[in-house]
Amino acid sequence: AAPGKLLVVPVDGSRWLSMREVLDGLSQKGHEIVVLAPEVNIHIKPSENFVMKMYPIPFTKEEVHGSI
């Protein structure tokens, strides 16, 4: 299969940690990946394997961290 373009809108938490491994593998196979994530999150961090786009949310970092 030919490499393609992927848009990923992840949910923060343990599912993201598993998904990141998959994205790393897809990136190594030539896929172009854009991850769309909230500005305030716990686990979703930039990587050299994908482009990260952030969007604002109406919560502070303290509110997000306090909800887990």
Protein backbone atom coordinates (compact mmCIF):
# COMPACT_ATOMS: atom_id res chain seq x y z
CA ALA A 1 0.00 0.00 0.00
CA ALA A 2 1.14 3.55 -0.70
CA PRO A 3 1.71 5.96 2.19
CA GLY A 4 -1.12 8.38 2.86
CA LYS A 5 -2.22 11.29 4.98
CA LEU A 6 -3.85 10.75 8.37
CA LEU A 7 -5.75 13.13 10.65
CA VAL A 8 -5.86 11.91 14.25
CA VAL A 9 -8.10 13.42 16.94
CA PRO A 10 -7.10 11.48 20.07
CA VAL A 11 -8.63 11.23 23.52
CA ASP A 12 -6.14 12.04 26.27
CA GLY A 13 -5.13 9.17 28.54
CA SER A 14 -3.99 5.59 28.19
CA ARG A 15 -5.60 5.16 24.76
CA TRP A 16 -3.33 7.92 23.44
CA LEU A 17 -0.23 6.18 24.77
CA SER A 18 -1.13 3.04 22.79
CA MET A 19 -2.11 5.05 19.70
CA ARG A 20 1.19 6.93 19.72
CA GLU A 21 3.09 3.67 19.19
CA VAL A 22 0.92 2.93 16.15
CA LEU A 23 1.48 6.45 14.78
CA ASP A 24 5.24 6.10 15.21
CA GLY A 25 5.13 2.91 13.13
CA LEU A 26 2.96 4.49 10.43
CA SER A 27 5.27 7.50 10.25
CA GLN A 28 8.26 5.22 9.69
CA LYS A 29 6.40 3.71 6.72
CA GLY A 30 6.03 7.14 5.11
CA HIS A 31 2.57 8.26 6.22
CA GLU A 32 2.02 11.98 6.87
CA ILE A 33 0.23 12.41 10.21
CA VAL A 34 -1.50 15.45 11.75
CA VAL A 35 -2.63 15.17 15.37
CA LEU A 36 -5.37 17.61 16.47
CA ALA A 37 -5.31 18.02 20.26
CA PRO A 38 -6.59 20.44 22.92
CA GLU A 39 -4.11 23.08 24.13
CA VAL A 40 -4.50 21.77 27.67
CA ASN A 41 -3.98 18.02 27.98
CA ILE A 42 -2.07 15.52 30.07
CA HIS A 43 -0.39 12.99 27.76
CA ILE A 44 -0.56 14.30 24.19
CA LYS A 45 2.84 15.81 23.42
CA PRO A 46 4.59 16.82 20.17
CA SER A 47 6.76 14.35 18.31
CA GLU A 48 9.06 14.45 15.31
CA ASN A 49 6.88 11.70 13.80
CA PHE A 50 3.77 13.88 13.34
CA VAL A 51 2.58 17.46 12.99
CA MET A 52 0.71 18.72 16.05
CA LYS A 53 -2.15 21.23 15.77
CA MET A 54 -3.69 22.62 18.96
CA TYR A 55 -7.15 24.05 19.62
CA PRO A 56 -8.32 26.06 22.65
CA ILE A 57 -10.61 24.63 25.32
CA PRO A 58 -12.45 26.46 28.14
CA PHE A 59 -10.55 24.67 30.94
CA THR A 60 -7.33 25.46 32.78
CA LYS A 61 -4.49 23.02 33.23
CA GLU A 62 -5.41 22.69 36.92
CA GLU A 63 -9.03 21.81 36.07
CA VAL A 64 -7.95 19.16 33.58
CA HIS A 65 -5.44 17.64 35.99
CA GLY A 66 -7.99 17.72 38.82
CA SER A 67 -10.51 15.69 36.85
CA ILE A 68 -8.35 12.55 36.67
